[in-house]
Amino acid sequence: MGKEFFEAYEISDETFRKMQKKMLEMLLYFKDFCAKHDLMFYLCGGAAIGAIREHGFVPWDDDIDVFMPRADYERFAELWKKYGDKDRYVYCRTNDKVNFHHSCTSLRDPSTTFICSYNQNLDICHGVAFEIAPIDGCPSSKLARRIQLFHAFVYALFNTQRLPNNKGKMFRTMATVLYKLIPSPKVRYKIWKHAEREMSKYSWDECEYVTELIGSVKGMLYKHPKKWFASQKWVDFEGYKVPVMAGYDHYLTRIFGNYMQRPPKDQQHAKHQLEFVDMDHPYTYYKNKKYFPGRKGKFGGAM
């Protein structure tokens, strides 16, 4: 992994592969959990590309992301409280008590250490993460769609509470101004919680199209035929069968272009800006050393 991406921190090939094996372990646990409770999910992003093109991980990919239809995404949250293996994994989703500076849900392995630059000031679980994002119903009305996107932008701003790097200069400037105007964590929580309810209120069953409202601006602006996401296709991934969305080729081509061709060498790097990784020791060993220096983060800190 090149220093130009990780800046002050570089991961050895051995550690990187250990990290991928841990994420595979988490994926298989999640797959079994979803099968047991009748929940639908599919690999997305680099994991989906890896499954189709590489039949496993993209060699430089440092995470696994999955999509779930919104109803299943919310059901998973409730089912985890009752049936999740909480000794093995930590369920992480921003709420009124803690902000993870990340807009989706994650399961994290507390026996490992995976510290990103954007949340190293936080006293949270810094284990290797398995990330879960919802797919929402998309209204047919152009006006309703604009309103949905407005709420999605508001949600992105006030839920993550950190300056975004993947949404453009204008969005970043707007975020800087709004964070200064509304410094209260309680007020920010009320704003993003309302925005989340409004953007996700469109029933999956009643919509012809669906949309991904958590992630990049490019992803937010697309609406996809629901039939692409209405069922799963099972494919090989590191020797196991895992699901992608039935319309994976249409979806991946729309988002990534010619995803079956590897990008140039200078673009073959992981997406997280990492500060520190240790696959052999729990993150708690590094408190006040590698993370949580005992002060609040710049845009919300430990809440």
C-alpha atoms as a PDB file:
ATOM      1  CA  MET A   1       0.000   0.000   0.000  1.00  0.00           C
ATOM      2  CA  GLY A   2       1.550   3.304  -1.081  1.00  0.00           C
ATOM      3  CA  LYS A   3       2.510   6.097   1.300  1.00  0.00           C
ATOM      4  CA  GLU A   4       0.899   8.598  -1.017  1.00  0.00           C
ATOM      5  CA  PHE A   5      -2.493   7.208   0.077  1.00  0.00           C
ATOM      6  CA  PHE A   6      -1.920   6.170   3.689  1.00  0.00           C
ATOM      7  CA  GLU A   7       0.311   9.172   4.348  1.00  0.00           C
ATOM      8  CA  ALA A   8       2.108   8.393   7.632  1.00  0.00           C
ATOM      9  CA  TYR A   9       0.972   4.782   7.850  1.00  0.00           C
ATOM     10  CA  GLU A  10       1.671   1.827   5.568  1.00  0.00           C
ATOM     11  CA  ILE A  11       0.182  -1.679   5.919  1.00  0.00           C
ATOM     12  CA  SER A  12       2.297  -4.763   5.272  1.00  0.00           C
ATOM     13  CA  ASP A  13       0.989  -7.307   2.784  1.00  0.00           C
ATOM     14  CA  GLU A  14       0.697  -9.870   5.604  1.00  0.00           C
ATOM     15  CA  THR A  15      -1.425  -7.552   7.762  1.00  0.00           C
ATOM     16  CA  PHE A  16      -3.551  -6.540   4.784  1.00  0.00           C
ATOM     17  CA  ARG A  17      -4.383 -10.161   3.991  1.00  0.00           C
ATOM     18  CA  LYS A  18      -5.172 -10.869   7.659  1.00  0.00           C
ATOM     19  CA  MET A  19      -7.551  -7.927   7.529  1.00  0.00           C
ATOM     20  CA  GLN A  20      -9.321  -9.290   4.447  1.00  0.00           C
ATOM     21  CA  LYS A  21      -9.651 -12.735   6.050  1.00  0.00           C
ATOM     22  CA  LYS A  22     -11.242 -11.160   9.125  1.00  0.00           C
ATOM     23  CA  MET A  23     -13.732  -9.285   6.933  1.00  0.00           C
ATOM     24  CA  LEU A  24     -14.568 -12.520   5.129  1.00  0.00           C
ATOM     25  CA  GLU A  25     -15.258 -14.135   8.501  1.00  0.00           C
ATOM     26  CA  MET A  26     -17.624 -11.259   9.321  1.00  0.00           C
ATOM     27  CA  LEU A  27     -19.361 -11.567   5.949  1.00  0.00           C
ATOM     28  CA  LEU A  28     -20.015 -15.274   6.477  1.00  0.00           C
ATOM     29  CA  TYR A  29     -21.418 -14.630   9.958  1.00  0.00           C
ATOM     30  CA  PHE A  30     -23.668 -11.891   8.550  1.00  0.00           C
ATOM     31  CA  LYS A  31     -24.795 -14.165   5.708  1.00  0.00           C
ATOM     32  CA  ASP A  32     -25.848 -16.869   8.170  1.00  0.00           C
ATOM     33  CA  PHE A  33     -27.611 -14.318  10.379  1.00  0.00           C
ATOM     34  CA  CYS A  34     -29.589 -12.954   7.422  1.00  0.00           C
ATOM     35  CA  ALA A  35     -30.530 -16.437   6.213  1.00  0.00           C
ATOM     36  CA  LYS A  36     -31.788 -17.356   9.666  1.00  0.00           C
ATOM     37  CA  HIS A  37     -33.956 -14.239   9.942  1.00  0.00           C
ATOM     38  CA  ASP A  38     -35.067 -13.945   6.289  1.00  0.00           C
ATOM     39  CA  LEU A  39     -33.217 -10.707   5.520  1.00  0.00           C
ATOM     40  CA  MET A  40     -32.065  -9.709   2.041  1.00  0.00           C
ATOM     41  CA  PHE A  41     -28.633  -8.241   1.349  1.00  0.00           C
ATOM     42  CA  TYR A  42     -26.141  -8.039  -1.505  1.00  0.00           C
ATOM     43  CA  LEU A  43     -22.497  -7.107  -1.882  1.00  0.00           C
ATOM     44  CA  CYS A  44     -21.941  -3.641  -3.318  1.00  0.00           C
ATOM     45  CA  GLY A  45     -19.052  -1.427  -4.353  1.00  0.00           C
ATOM     46  CA  GLY A  46     -15.618  -2.986  -4.475  1.00  0.00           C
ATOM     47  CA  ALA A  47     -16.823  -6.203  -2.857  1.00  0.00           C
ATOM     48  CA  ALA A  48     -19.351  -6.758  -5.659  1.00  0.00           C
ATOM     49  CA  ILE A  49     -16.702  -6.002  -8.283  1.00  0.00           C
ATOM     50  CA  GLY A  50     -14.364  -8.417  -6.539  1.00  0.00           C
ATOM     51  CA  ALA A  51     -17.009 -11.149  -6.504  1.00  0.00           C
ATOM     52  CA  ILE A  52     -17.711 -10.826 -10.242  1.00  0.00           C
ATOM     53  CA  ARG A  53     -14.247 -10.009 -11.604  1.00  0.00           C
ATOM     54  CA  GLU A  54     -11.871 -11.641  -9.101  1.00  0.00           C
ATOM     55  CA  HIS A  55     -14.147 -14.269  -7.492  1.00  0.00           C
ATOM     56  CA  GLY A  56     -12.945 -12.832  -4.196  1.00  0.00           C
ATOM     57  CA  PHE A  57     -11.439  -9.642  -2.838  1.00  0.00           C
ATOM     58  CA  VAL A  58     -10.083  -6.974  -5.136  1.00  0.00           C
ATOM     59  CA  PRO A  59      -6.428  -7.324  -4.033  1.00  0.00           C
ATOM     60  CA  TRP A  60      -6.180  -3.750  -2.720  1.00  0.00           C
ATOM     61  CA  ASP A  61      -9.693  -3.489  -1.237  1.00  0.00           C
ATOM     62  CA  ASP A  62      -9.758  -2.822   2.516  1.00  0.00           C
ATOM     63  CA  ASP A  63     -13.448  -3.291   3.311  1.00  0.00           C
ATOM     64  CA  ILE A  64     -16.659  -5.145   2.524  1.00  0.00           C
ATOM     65  CA  ASP A  65     -19.844  -3.137   1.946  1.00  0.00           C
ATOM     66  CA  VAL A  66     -23.340  -4.534   1.550  1.00  0.00           C
ATOM     67  CA  PHE A  67     -26.738  -3.079   0.667  1.00  0.00           C
ATOM     68  CA  MET A  68     -30.034  -4.031   2.303  1.00  0.00           C
ATOM     69  CA  PRO A  69     -33.543  -2.876   1.358  1.00  0.00           C
ATOM     70  CA  ARG A  70     -34.529  -0.264   3.951  1.00  0.00           C
ATOM     71  CA  ALA A  71     -37.092  -2.480   5.708  1.00  0.00           C
ATOM     72  CA  ASP A  72     -34.537  -5.274   6.155  1.00  0.00           C
ATOM     73  CA  TYR A  73     -31.895  -2.743   7.211  1.00  0.00           C
ATOM     74  CA  GLU A  74     -34.141  -1.535  10.044  1.00  0.00           C
ATOM     75  CA  ARG A  75     -35.225  -5.076  10.940  1.00  0.00           C
ATOM     76  CA  PHE A  76     -31.580  -6.059  11.239  1.00  0.00           C
ATOM     77  CA  ALA A  77     -31.099  -3.352  13.867  1.00  0.00           C
ATOM     78  CA  GLU A  78     -33.933  -4.784  15.985  1.00  0.00           C
ATOM     79  CA  LEU A  79     -32.954  -8.409  15.455  1.00  0.00           C
ATOM     80  CA  TRP A  80     -29.358  -7.686  16.419  1.00  0.00           C
ATOM     81  CA  LYS A  81     -30.479  -6.507  19.862  1.00  0.00           C
ATOM     82  CA  LYS A  82     -32.094  -9.900  20.490  1.00  0.00           C
ATOM     83  CA  TYR A  83     -29.971 -12.393  18.594  1.00  0.00           C
ATOM     84  CA  GLY A  84     -26.659 -10.811  17.606  1.00  0.00           C
ATOM     85  CA  ASP A  85     -23.387 -12.203  18.955  1.00  0.00           C
ATOM     86  CA  LYS A  86     -22.464  -9.101  20.943  1.00  0.00           C
ATOM     87  CA  ASP A  87     -19.398 -10.711  22.477  1.00  0.00           C
ATOM     88  CA  ARG A  88     -17.994 -11.252  19.012  1.00  0.00           C
ATOM     89  CA  TYR A  89     -19.039  -8.079  17.184  1.00  0.00           C
ATOM     90  CA  VAL A  90     -20.089  -4.533  18.107  1.00  0.00           C
ATOM     91  CA  TYR A  91     -23.090  -2.957  16.347  1.00  0.00           C
ATOM     92  CA  CYS A  92     -22.257   0.651  15.439  1.00  0.00           C
ATOM     93  CA  ARG A  93     -24.766   3.203  14.188  1.00  0.00           C
ATOM     94  CA  THR A  94     -24.835   6.895  14.995  1.00  0.00           C
ATOM     95  CA  ASN A  95     -27.547   7.906  17.487  1.00  0.00           C
ATOM     96  CA  ASP A  96     -28.221  10.655  20.020  1.00  0.00           C
ATOM     97  CA  LYS A  97     -25.481   9.356  22.338  1.00  0.00           C
ATOM     98  CA  VAL A  98     -22.557   8.699  20.009  1.00  0.00           C
ATOM     99  CA  ASN A  99     -21.562   9.841  16.524  1.00  0.00           C
ATOM    100  CA  PHE A 100     -19.314   7.537  14.496  1.00  0.00           C
ATOM    101  CA  HIS A 101     -18.740  10.166  11.768  1.00  0.00           C
ATOM    102  CA  HIS A 102     -20.037   7.548   9.340  1.00  0.00           C
ATOM    103  CA  SER A 103     -23.534   7.521   7.881  1.00  0.00           C
ATOM    104  CA  CYS A 104     -24.195   3.784   7.530  1.00  0.00           C
ATOM    105  CA  THR A 105     -24.260   0.905  10.031  1.00  0.00           C
ATOM    106  CA  SER A 106     -21.274  -1.288  10.749  1.00  0.00           C
ATOM    107  CA  LEU A 107     -20.394  -4.410  12.675  1.00  0.00           C
ATOM    108  CA  ARG A 108     -16.920  -4.139  14.178  1.00  0.00           C
ATOM    109  CA  ASP A 109     -14.589  -6.762  15.587  1.00  0.00           C
ATOM    110  CA  PRO A 110     -13.301  -5.544  18.982  1.00  0.00           C
ATOM    111  CA  SER A 111     -10.422  -8.046  18.978  1.00  0.00           C
ATOM    112  CA  THR A 112      -8.726  -6.054  16.193  1.00  0.00           C
ATOM    113  CA  THR A 113      -7.526  -2.480  15.619  1.00  0.00           C
ATOM    114  CA  PHE A 114      -8.482  -0.436  12.533  1.00  0.00           C
ATOM    115  CA  ILE A 115      -8.177   3.316  13.157  1.00  0.00           C
ATOM    116  CA  CYS A 116      -9.232   5.780  10.443  1.00  0.00           C
ATOM    117  CA  SER A 117      -8.074   9.400  10.397  1.00  0.00           C
ATOM    118  CA  TYR A 118     -11.621  10.795  10.455  1.00  0.00           C
ATOM    119  CA  ASN A 119     -12.571   9.192  13.787  1.00  0.00           C
ATOM    120  CA  GLN A 120      -9.296   8.746  15.649  1.00  0.00           C
ATOM    121  CA  ASN A 121     -10.380  11.381  18.193  1.00  0.00           C
ATOM    122  CA  LEU A 122     -13.428   9.322  19.172  1.00  0.00           C
ATOM    123  CA  ASP A 123     -13.791   6.896  22.064  1.00  0.00           C
ATOM    124  CA  ILE A 124     -15.587   4.233  19.995  1.00  0.00           C
ATOM    125  CA  CYS A 125     -14.925   0.682  18.824  1.00  0.00           C
ATOM    126  CA  HIS A 126     -12.015   0.897  16.393  1.00  0.00           C
ATOM    127  CA  GLY A 127     -12.101  -2.726  15.251  1.00  0.00           C
ATOM    128  CA  VAL A 128     -12.203  -3.924  11.637  1.00  0.00           C
ATOM    129  CA  ALA A 129     -15.591  -2.914  10.203  1.00  0.00           C
ATOM    130  CA  PHE A 130     -18.163  -4.645   8.019  1.00  0.00           C
ATOM    131  CA  GLU A 131     -20.354  -1.896   6.547  1.00  0.00           C
ATOM    132  CA  ILE A 132     -24.096  -2.029   5.841  1.00  0.00           C
ATOM    133  CA  ALA A 133     -26.079   0.605   3.918  1.00  0.00           C
ATOM    134  CA  PRO A 134     -29.786   0.832   3.027  1.00  0.00           C
ATOM    135  CA  ILE A 135     -31.416   0.985  -0.387  1.00  0.00           C
ATOM    136  CA  ASP A 136     -34.539   3.172  -0.280  1.00  0.00           C
ATOM    137  CA  GLY A 137     -37.677   3.507  -2.305  1.00  0.00           C
ATOM    138  CA  CYS A 138     -37.567   6.376  -4.819  1.00  0.00           C
ATOM    139  CA  PRO A 139     -40.699   8.444  -5.560  1.00  0.00           C
ATOM    140  CA  SER A 140     -41.851   8.846  -9.178  1.00  0.00           C
ATOM    141  CA  SER A 141     -42.811  12.501  -8.773  1.00  0.00           C
ATOM    142  CA  LYS A 142     -39.991  14.870  -9.751  1.00  0.00           C
ATOM    143  CA  LEU A 143     -40.897  17.249  -6.928  1.00  0.00           C
ATOM    144  CA  ALA A 144     -41.004  14.465  -4.342  1.00  0.00           C
ATOM    145  CA  ARG A 145     -37.649  13.207  -5.634  1.00  0.00           C
ATOM    146  CA  ARG A 146     -36.070  16.660  -5.239  1.00  0.00           C
ATOM    147  CA  ILE A 147     -37.407  16.854  -1.694  1.00  0.00           C
ATOM    148  CA  GLN A 148     -36.044  13.386  -0.965  1.00  0.00           C
ATOM    149  CA  LEU A 149     -32.610  14.420  -2.224  1.00  0.00           C
ATOM    150  CA  PHE A 150     -32.733  17.590  -0.123  1.00  0.00           C
ATOM    151  CA  HIS A 151     -33.358  15.505   2.994  1.00  0.00           C
ATOM    152  CA  ALA A 152     -30.582  13.097   1.951  1.00  0.00           C
ATOM    153  CA  PHE A 153     -28.095  15.980   1.758  1.00  0.00           C
ATOM    154  CA  VAL A 154     -29.237  17.288   5.147  1.00  0.00           C
ATOM    155  CA  TYR A 155     -28.875  13.805   6.580  1.00  0.00           C
ATOM    156  CA  ALA A 156     -25.371  13.465   5.122  1.00  0.00           C
ATOM    157  CA  LEU A 157     -24.293  16.781   6.632  1.00  0.00           C
ATOM    158  CA  PHE A 158     -25.639  16.392  10.137  1.00  0.00           C
ATOM    159  CA  ASN A 159     -25.374  12.648  10.617  1.00  0.00           C
ATOM    160  CA  THR A 160     -21.679  12.301   9.773  1.00  0.00           C
ATOM    161  CA  GLN A 161     -20.677  15.661  11.320  1.00  0.00           C
ATOM    162  CA  ARG A 162     -17.345  15.762   9.542  1.00  0.00           C
ATOM    163  CA  LEU A 163     -16.185  17.597   6.456  1.00  0.00           C
ATOM    164  CA  PRO A 164     -16.854  15.330   3.456  1.00  0.00           C
ATOM    165  CA  ASN A 165     -14.106  14.479   0.969  1.00  0.00           C
ATOM    166  CA  ASN A 166     -16.267  12.730  -1.651  1.00  0.00           C
ATOM    167  CA  LYS A 167     -19.077  15.214  -2.235  1.00  0.00           C
ATOM    168  CA  GLY A 168     -17.349  18.120  -3.943  1.00  0.00           C
ATOM    169  CA  LYS A 169     -15.909  21.504  -2.925  1.00  0.00           C
ATOM    170  CA  MET A 170     -19.288  23.258  -2.761  1.00  0.00           C
ATOM    171  CA  PHE A 171     -20.717  20.636  -0.402  1.00  0.00           C
ATOM    172  CA  ARG A 172     -17.601  20.872   1.795  1.00  0.00           C
ATOM    173  CA  THR A 173     -17.841  24.676   1.978  1.00  0.00           C
ATOM    174  CA  MET A 174     -21.531  24.505   2.840  1.00  0.00           C
ATOM    175  CA  ALA A 175     -20.782  21.932   5.552  1.00  0.00           C
ATOM    176  CA  THR A 176     -18.141  24.197   7.125  1.00  0.00           C
ATOM    177  CA  VAL A 177     -20.596  27.092   7.359  1.00  0.00           C
ATOM    178  CA  LEU A 178     -23.482  25.010   8.734  1.00  0.00           C
ATOM    179  CA  TYR A 179     -21.343  23.306  11.382  1.00  0.00           C
ATOM    180  CA  LYS A 180     -20.332  26.741  12.672  1.00  0.00           C
ATOM    181  CA  LEU A 181     -23.934  28.000  12.634  1.00  0.00           C
ATOM    182  CA  ILE A 182     -25.316  24.902  14.389  1.00  0.00           C
ATOM    183  CA  PRO A 183     -22.692  23.695  16.895  1.00  0.00           C
ATOM    184  CA  SER A 184     -25.095  21.883  19.259  1.00  0.00           C
ATOM    185  CA  PRO A 185     -24.949  18.049  18.996  1.00  0.00           C
ATOM    186  CA  LYS A 186     -28.564  17.812  20.249  1.00  0.00           C
ATOM    187  CA  VAL A 187     -29.858  20.151  17.558  1.00  0.00           C
ATOM    188  CA  ARG A 188     -27.844  18.369  14.876  1.00  0.00           C
ATOM    189  CA  TYR A 189     -29.304  15.045  16.004  1.00  0.00           C
ATOM    190  CA  LYS A 190     -32.874  16.336  15.733  1.00  0.00           C
ATOM    191  CA  ILE A 191     -32.153  17.703  12.252  1.00  0.00           C
ATOM    192  CA  TRP A 192     -30.641  14.520  10.819  1.00  0.00           C
ATOM    193  CA  LYS A 193     -33.168  12.245  12.484  1.00  0.00           C
ATOM    194  CA  HIS A 194     -36.028  14.176  10.888  1.00  0.00           C
ATOM    195  CA  ALA A 195     -34.216  14.138   7.515  1.00  0.00           C
ATOM    196  CA  GLU A 196     -33.715  10.372   7.768  1.00  0.00           C
ATOM    197  CA  ARG A 197     -37.425   9.779   8.385  1.00  0.00           C
ATOM    198  CA  GLU A 198     -38.399  11.968   5.433  1.00  0.00           C
ATOM    199  CA  MET A 199     -35.920  10.550   2.935  1.00  0.00           C
ATOM    200  CA  SER A 200     -36.762   6.920   3.773  1.00  0.00           C
ATOM    201  CA  LYS A 201     -40.552   7.172   3.968  1.00  0.00           C
ATOM    202  CA  TYR A 202     -41.228   5.833   0.453  1.00  0.00           C
ATOM    203  CA  SER A 203     -42.358   2.228   0.531  1.00  0.00           C
ATOM    204  CA  TRP A 204     -40.148  -0.255  -1.316  1.00  0.00           C
ATOM    205  CA  ASP A 205     -43.222  -2.231  -2.375  1.00  0.00           C
ATOM    206  CA  GLU A 206     -44.977   0.795  -3.857  1.00  0.00           C
ATOM    207  CA  CYS A 207     -42.014   2.272  -5.749  1.00  0.00           C
ATOM    208  CA  GLU A 208     -40.900   1.428  -9.269  1.00  0.00           C
ATOM    209  CA  TYR A 209     -37.395   2.746  -8.606  1.00  0.00           C
ATOM    210  CA  VAL A 210     -34.941   2.600  -5.706  1.00  0.00           C
ATOM    211  CA  THR A 211     -31.996   4.770  -4.710  1.00  0.00           C
ATOM    212  CA  GLU A 212     -28.886   4.794  -2.495  1.00  0.00           C
ATOM    213  CA  LEU A 213     -29.091   7.847  -0.287  1.00  0.00           C
ATOM    214  CA  ILE A 214     -26.025   7.130   1.836  1.00  0.00           C
ATOM    215  CA  GLY A 215     -22.652   7.586   0.143  1.00  0.00           C
ATOM    216  CA  SER A 216     -21.349   9.751  -2.680  1.00  0.00           C
ATOM    217  CA  VAL A 217     -23.335  12.498  -4.388  1.00  0.00           C
ATOM    218  CA  LYS A 218     -23.044  10.549  -7.645  1.00  0.00           C
ATOM    219  CA  GLY A 219     -24.732   7.552  -6.048  1.00  0.00           C
ATOM    220  CA  MET A 220     -27.461   9.680  -4.469  1.00  0.00           C
ATOM    221  CA  LEU A 221     -28.467  11.206  -7.793  1.00  0.00           C
ATOM    222  CA  TYR A 222     -29.162   7.878  -9.495  1.00  0.00           C
ATOM    223  CA  LYS A 223     -32.467   6.090  -9.331  1.00  0.00           C
ATOM    224  CA  HIS A 224     -32.352   2.428 -10.291  1.00  0.00           C
ATOM    225  CA  PRO A 225     -35.073   0.084 -11.541  1.00  0.00           C
ATOM    226  CA  LYS A 226     -36.258  -1.855  -8.503  1.00  0.00           C
ATOM    227  CA  LYS A 227     -36.031  -5.112 -10.443  1.00  0.00           C
ATOM    228  CA  TRP A 228     -32.230  -4.846 -10.268  1.00  0.00           C
ATOM    229  CA  PHE A 229     -32.477  -5.173  -6.469  1.00  0.00           C
ATOM    230  CA  ALA A 230     -35.602  -7.314  -6.096  1.00  0.00           C
ATOM    231  CA  SER A 231     -33.676 -10.588  -5.926  1.00  0.00           C
ATOM    232  CA  GLN A 232     -30.206 -12.018  -5.366  1.00  0.00           C
ATOM    233  CA  LYS A 233     -27.723 -13.802  -7.608  1.00  0.00           C
ATOM    234  CA  TRP A 234     -25.299 -16.089  -5.785  1.00  0.00           C
ATOM    235  CA  VAL A 235     -21.683 -15.956  -6.928  1.00  0.00           C
ATOM    236  CA  ASP A 236     -18.280 -17.250  -5.794  1.00  0.00           C
ATOM    237  CA  PHE A 237     -16.297 -15.161  -3.310  1.00  0.00           C
ATOM    238  CA  GLU A 238     -13.125 -16.575  -1.735  1.00  0.00           C
ATOM    239  CA  GLY A 239     -14.499 -20.094  -2.103  1.00  0.00           C
ATOM    240  CA  TYR A 240     -17.965 -19.333  -0.717  1.00  0.00           C
ATOM    241  CA  LYS A 241     -21.327 -18.475  -2.286  1.00  0.00           C
ATOM    242  CA  VAL A 242     -22.434 -14.915  -1.549  1.00  0.00           C
ATOM    243  CA  PRO A 243     -25.175 -12.711  -3.034  1.00  0.00           C
ATOM    244  CA  VAL A 244     -25.009  -9.746  -5.377  1.00  0.00           C
ATOM    245  CA  MET A 245     -28.072  -7.895  -6.676  1.00  0.00           C
ATOM    246  CA  ALA A 246     -29.746  -9.629  -9.632  1.00  0.00           C
ATOM    247  CA  GLY A 247     -29.078  -6.591 -11.829  1.00  0.00           C
ATOM    248  CA  TYR A 248     -25.428  -6.300 -10.754  1.00  0.00           C
ATOM    249  CA  ASP A 249     -24.103  -5.767 -14.283  1.00  0.00           C
ATOM    250  CA  HIS A 250     -26.438  -2.821 -14.966  1.00  0.00           C
ATOM    251  CA  TYR A 251     -25.731  -1.322 -11.555  1.00  0.00           C
ATOM    252  CA  LEU A 252     -21.941  -1.731 -11.570  1.00  0.00           C
ATOM    253  CA  THR A 253     -21.642  -0.475 -15.143  1.00  0.00           C
ATOM    254  CA  ARG A 254     -23.674   2.621 -14.300  1.00  0.00           C
ATOM    255  CA  ILE A 255     -21.598   3.423 -11.210  1.00  0.00           C
ATOM    256  CA  PHE A 256     -18.100   2.253 -12.223  1.00  0.00           C
ATOM    257  CA  GLY A 257     -18.082   1.966 -16.003  1.00  0.00           C
ATOM    258  CA  ASN A 258     -16.036  -0.974 -17.309  1.00  0.00           C
ATOM    259  CA  TYR A 259     -15.700  -2.665 -13.923  1.00  0.00           C
ATOM    260  CA  MET A 260     -14.378  -5.897 -15.474  1.00  0.00           C
ATOM    261  CA  GLN A 261     -11.098  -4.181 -16.305  1.00  0.00           C
ATOM    262  CA  ARG A 262      -8.691  -3.418 -13.485  1.00  0.00           C
ATOM    263  CA  PRO A 263      -7.839   0.287 -13.117  1.00  0.00           C
ATOM    264  CA  PRO A 264      -4.315   1.611 -13.786  1.00  0.00           C
ATOM    265  CA  LYS A 265      -1.665   0.757 -11.187  1.00  0.00           C
ATOM    266  CA  ASP A 266      -1.686   4.271  -9.706  1.00  0.00           C
ATOM    267  CA  GLN A 267      -5.385   3.865  -8.882  1.00  0.00           C
ATOM    268  CA  GLN A 268      -5.045   0.470  -7.231  1.00  0.00           C
ATOM    269  CA  HIS A 269      -5.193   1.566  -3.606  1.00  0.00           C
ATOM    270  CA  ALA A 270      -7.512   1.143  -0.647  1.00  0.00           C
ATOM    271  CA  LYS A 271     -10.096   3.841   0.058  1.00  0.00           C
ATOM    272  CA  HIS A 272      -9.661   4.387   3.808  1.00  0.00           C
ATOM    273  CA  GLN A 273      -7.166   6.901   5.132  1.00  0.00           C
ATOM    274  CA  LEU A 274      -5.770   4.775   7.916  1.00  0.00           C
ATOM    275  CA  GLU A 275      -3.800   5.861  10.951  1.00  0.00           C
ATOM    276  CA  PHE A 276      -3.061   2.451  12.414  1.00  0.00           C
ATOM    277  CA  VAL A 277      -3.937  -1.246  11.954  1.00  0.00           C
ATOM    278  CA  ASP A 278      -3.164  -4.222  14.207  1.00  0.00           C
ATOM    279  CA  MET A 279      -4.907  -7.503  13.537  1.00  0.00           C
ATOM    280  CA  ASP A 280      -3.416  -9.250  16.576  1.00  0.00           C
ATOM    281  CA  HIS A 281      -4.412  -6.891  19.412  1.00  0.00           C
ATOM    282  CA  PRO A 282      -7.738  -5.303  20.452  1.00  0.00           C
ATOM    283  CA  TYR A 283      -8.236  -1.624  19.767  1.00  0.00           C
ATOM    284  CA  THR A 284      -8.623  -0.914  23.509  1.00  0.00           C
ATOM    285  CA  TYR A 285      -4.897  -1.544  23.934  1.00  0.00           C
ATOM    286  CA  TYR A 286      -4.233   1.647  21.988  1.00  0.00           C
ATOM    287  CA  LYS A 287      -6.587   4.045  23.768  1.00  0.00           C
ATOM    288  CA  ASN A 288      -4.860   7.387  24.476  1.00  0.00           C
ATOM    289  CA  LYS A 289      -1.947   6.121  22.359  1.00  0.00           C
ATOM    290  CA  LYS A 290      -3.257   5.774  18.817  1.00  0.00           C
ATOM    291  CA  TYR A 291      -6.809   7.090  19.312  1.00  0.00           C
ATOM    292  CA  PHE A 292      -8.889   9.250  21.646  1.00  0.00           C
ATOM    293  CA  PRO A 293      -6.287  11.673  22.972  1.00  0.00           C
ATOM    294  CA  GLY A 294      -8.834  12.909  25.541  1.00  0.00           C
ATOM    295  CA  ARG A 295     -10.178  15.890  23.638  1.00  0.00           C
ATOM    296  CA  LYS A 296     -13.166  16.480  21.401  1.00  0.00           C
ATOM    297  CA  GLY A 297     -12.879  16.111  17.667  1.00  0.00           C
ATOM    298  CA  LYS A 298     -13.094  19.177  15.472  1.00  0.00           C
ATOM    299  CA  PHE A 299     -16.687  18.646  14.399  1.00  0.00           C
ATOM    300  CA  GLY A 300     -18.434  16.866  17.240  1.00  0.00           C
ATOM    301  CA  GLY A 301     -15.844  14.735  18.990  1.00  0.00           C
ATOM    302  CA  ALA A 302     -16.926  11.931  21.274  1.00  0.00           C
ATOM    303  CA  MET A 303     -20.620  12.292  21.973  1.00  0.00           C
END
